[in-house]
Amino acid sequence: MTEPPADRDRRRVEEVFGDVLPETTSDERDPDPPGGDRDSWYHENRPPHHDR
């Protein structure tokens, strides 16, 4: 039995590019847990020359 062209094309695209879309969307996943205060990321990633 021969595959329909659409299925064959889709399989070829998946072989070349892999799984492009995730199984779940971002609204279905748990959000990042809040950590510390709102400015903690900026303080943790502050460049050394800003300490002077």
N, C-alpha and C. Protein backbone atom coordinates (compact mmCIF):
# COMPACT_ATOMS: atom_id res chain seq x y z
N MET A 1 0.84 -1.18 0.00
CA MET A 1 0.00 0.00 0.00
C MET A 1 0.89 1.25 0.00
N THR A 2 0.59 2.21 -0.81
CA THR A 2 1.37 3.43 -0.93
C THR A 2 0.77 4.53 -0.06
N GLU A 3 1.66 5.32 0.55
CA GLU A 3 1.20 6.42 1.40
C GLU A 3 0.63 7.55 0.54
N PRO A 4 -0.33 8.27 1.06
CA PRO A 4 -0.79 9.47 0.35
C PRO A 4 0.35 10.50 0.32
N PRO A 5 0.40 11.33 -0.72
CA PRO A 5 1.49 12.32 -0.82
C PRO A 5 1.61 13.24 0.38
N ALA A 6 0.51 13.64 0.98
CA ALA A 6 0.58 14.55 2.14
C ALA A 6 1.31 13.89 3.31
N ASP A 7 1.00 12.62 3.59
CA ASP A 7 1.68 11.92 4.68
C ASP A 7 3.16 11.73 4.38
N ARG A 8 3.48 11.42 3.16
CA ARG A 8 4.88 11.22 2.76
C ARG A 8 5.64 12.54 2.90
N ASP A 9 5.03 13.64 2.46
CA ASP A 9 5.69 14.95 2.57
C ASP A 9 5.89 15.35 4.03
N ARG A 10 4.87 15.11 4.85
CA ARG A 10 4.98 15.46 6.27
C ARG A 10 6.07 14.64 6.94
N ARG A 11 6.16 13.37 6.62
CA ARG A 11 7.19 12.52 7.20
C ARG A 11 8.59 13.00 6.78
N ARG A 12 8.72 13.40 5.53
CA ARG A 12 10.02 13.90 5.05
C ARG A 12 10.40 15.19 5.75
N VAL A 13 9.45 16.09 5.93
CA VAL A 13 9.72 17.35 6.65
C VAL A 13 10.15 17.05 8.08
N GLU A 14 9.48 16.10 8.75
CA GLU A 14 9.85 15.74 10.11
C GLU A 14 11.24 15.11 10.17
N GLU A 15 11.62 14.34 9.16
CA GLU A 15 12.96 13.75 9.12
C GLU A 15 14.01 14.84 9.02
N VAL A 16 13.74 15.85 8.23
CA VAL A 16 14.73 16.91 8.01
C VAL A 16 14.78 17.88 9.18
N PHE A 17 13.62 18.35 9.62
CA PHE A 17 13.59 19.42 10.61
C PHE A 17 13.30 18.97 12.03
N GLY A 18 12.88 17.74 12.22
CA GLY A 18 12.56 17.27 13.56
C GLY A 18 11.21 17.77 14.00
N ASP A 19 10.98 17.71 15.30
CA ASP A 19 9.72 18.14 15.88
C ASP A 19 9.78 19.65 16.10
N VAL A 20 9.09 20.39 15.26
CA VAL A 20 9.17 21.84 15.29
C VAL A 20 8.32 22.43 16.41
N LEU A 21 7.12 21.91 16.60
CA LEU A 21 6.21 22.45 17.59
C LEU A 21 6.20 21.58 18.84
N PRO A 22 6.16 22.20 20.02
CA PRO A 22 6.09 21.41 21.25
C PRO A 22 4.74 20.73 21.39
N GLU A 23 4.69 19.72 22.23
CA GLU A 23 3.44 18.99 22.46
C GLU A 23 2.42 19.86 23.19
N THR A 24 2.88 20.75 24.08
CA THR A 24 1.98 21.63 24.82
C THR A 24 2.33 23.08 24.53
N THR A 25 1.35 23.93 24.67
CA THR A 25 1.59 25.36 24.46
C THR A 25 1.97 26.00 25.79
N SER A 26 2.48 27.22 25.73
CA SER A 26 2.95 27.88 26.94
C SER A 26 1.83 28.12 27.95
N ASP A 27 0.60 28.30 27.49
CA ASP A 27 -0.48 28.52 28.44
C ASP A 27 -0.94 27.22 29.11
N GLU A 28 -0.51 26.07 28.60
CA GLU A 28 -0.83 24.79 29.23
C GLU A 28 0.21 24.38 30.26
N ARG A 29 1.39 24.99 30.22
CA ARG A 29 2.47 24.66 31.14
C ARG A 29 2.40 25.53 32.38
N ASP A 30 3.01 25.05 33.46
CA ASP A 30 3.07 25.85 34.69
C ASP A 30 3.97 27.06 34.46
N PRO A 31 3.57 28.22 34.96
CA PRO A 31 4.43 29.40 34.83
C PRO A 31 5.67 29.23 35.70
N ASP A 32 6.69 30.02 35.40
CA ASP A 32 7.90 29.99 36.21
C ASP A 32 7.55 30.39 37.64
N PRO A 33 8.08 29.67 38.61
CA PRO A 33 7.77 30.03 40.00
C PRO A 33 8.39 31.38 40.34
N PRO A 34 7.66 32.22 41.06
CA PRO A 34 8.22 33.52 41.43
C PRO A 34 9.36 33.31 42.42
N GLY A 35 10.40 34.07 42.25
CA GLY A 35 11.54 33.93 43.13
C GLY A 35 12.01 35.28 43.64
N GLY A 36 12.04 35.43 44.94
CA GLY A 36 12.55 36.65 45.55
C GLY A 36 11.72 37.88 45.20
N ASP A 37 12.35 39.02 45.32
CA ASP A 37 11.66 40.24 44.98
C ASP A 37 11.75 40.51 43.48
N ARG A 38 11.09 41.54 43.03
CA ARG A 38 11.02 41.80 41.60
C ARG A 38 12.36 42.21 41.01
N ASP A 39 13.24 42.79 41.81
CA ASP A 39 14.53 43.28 41.31
C ASP A 39 15.66 42.28 41.50
N SER A 40 15.38 41.09 42.03
CA SER A 40 16.45 40.14 42.33
C SER A 40 17.22 39.73 41.07
N TRP A 41 16.52 39.54 39.94
CA TRP A 41 17.21 39.14 38.71
C TRP A 41 18.21 40.22 38.29
N TYR A 42 17.82 41.48 38.40
CA TYR A 42 18.71 42.57 38.00
C TYR A 42 19.93 42.65 38.91
N HIS A 43 19.74 42.43 40.19
CA HIS A 43 20.87 42.45 41.12
C HIS A 43 21.80 41.27 40.89
N GLU A 44 21.25 40.10 40.59
CA GLU A 44 22.08 38.92 40.35
C GLU A 44 22.86 39.01 39.05
N ASN A 45 22.34 39.70 38.07
CA ASN A 45 22.97 39.79 36.75
C ASN A 45 23.60 41.16 36.49
N ARG A 46 23.89 41.85 37.54
CA ARG A 46 24.46 43.19 37.45
C ARG A 46 25.93 43.11 37.02
N PRO A 47 26.34 43.89 36.03
CA PRO A 47 27.74 43.87 35.59
C PRO A 47 28.67 44.38 36.70
N PRO A 48 29.88 43.83 36.77
CA PRO A 48 30.82 44.22 37.85
C PRO A 48 31.14 45.71 37.85
N HIS A 49 31.17 46.34 36.71
CA HIS A 49 31.54 47.76 36.68
C HIS A 49 30.45 48.66 37.27
N HIS A 50 29.28 48.12 37.57
CA HIS A 50 28.24 48.91 38.21
C HIS A 50 28.39 48.97 39.72
N ASP A 51 29.32 48.18 40.29
CA ASP A 51 29.54 48.18 41.72
C ASP A 51 30.40 49.36 42.16
N ARG A 52 31.02 50.02 41.26
CA ARG A 52 31.93 51.14 41.62
C ARG A 52 31.18 52.40 41.87
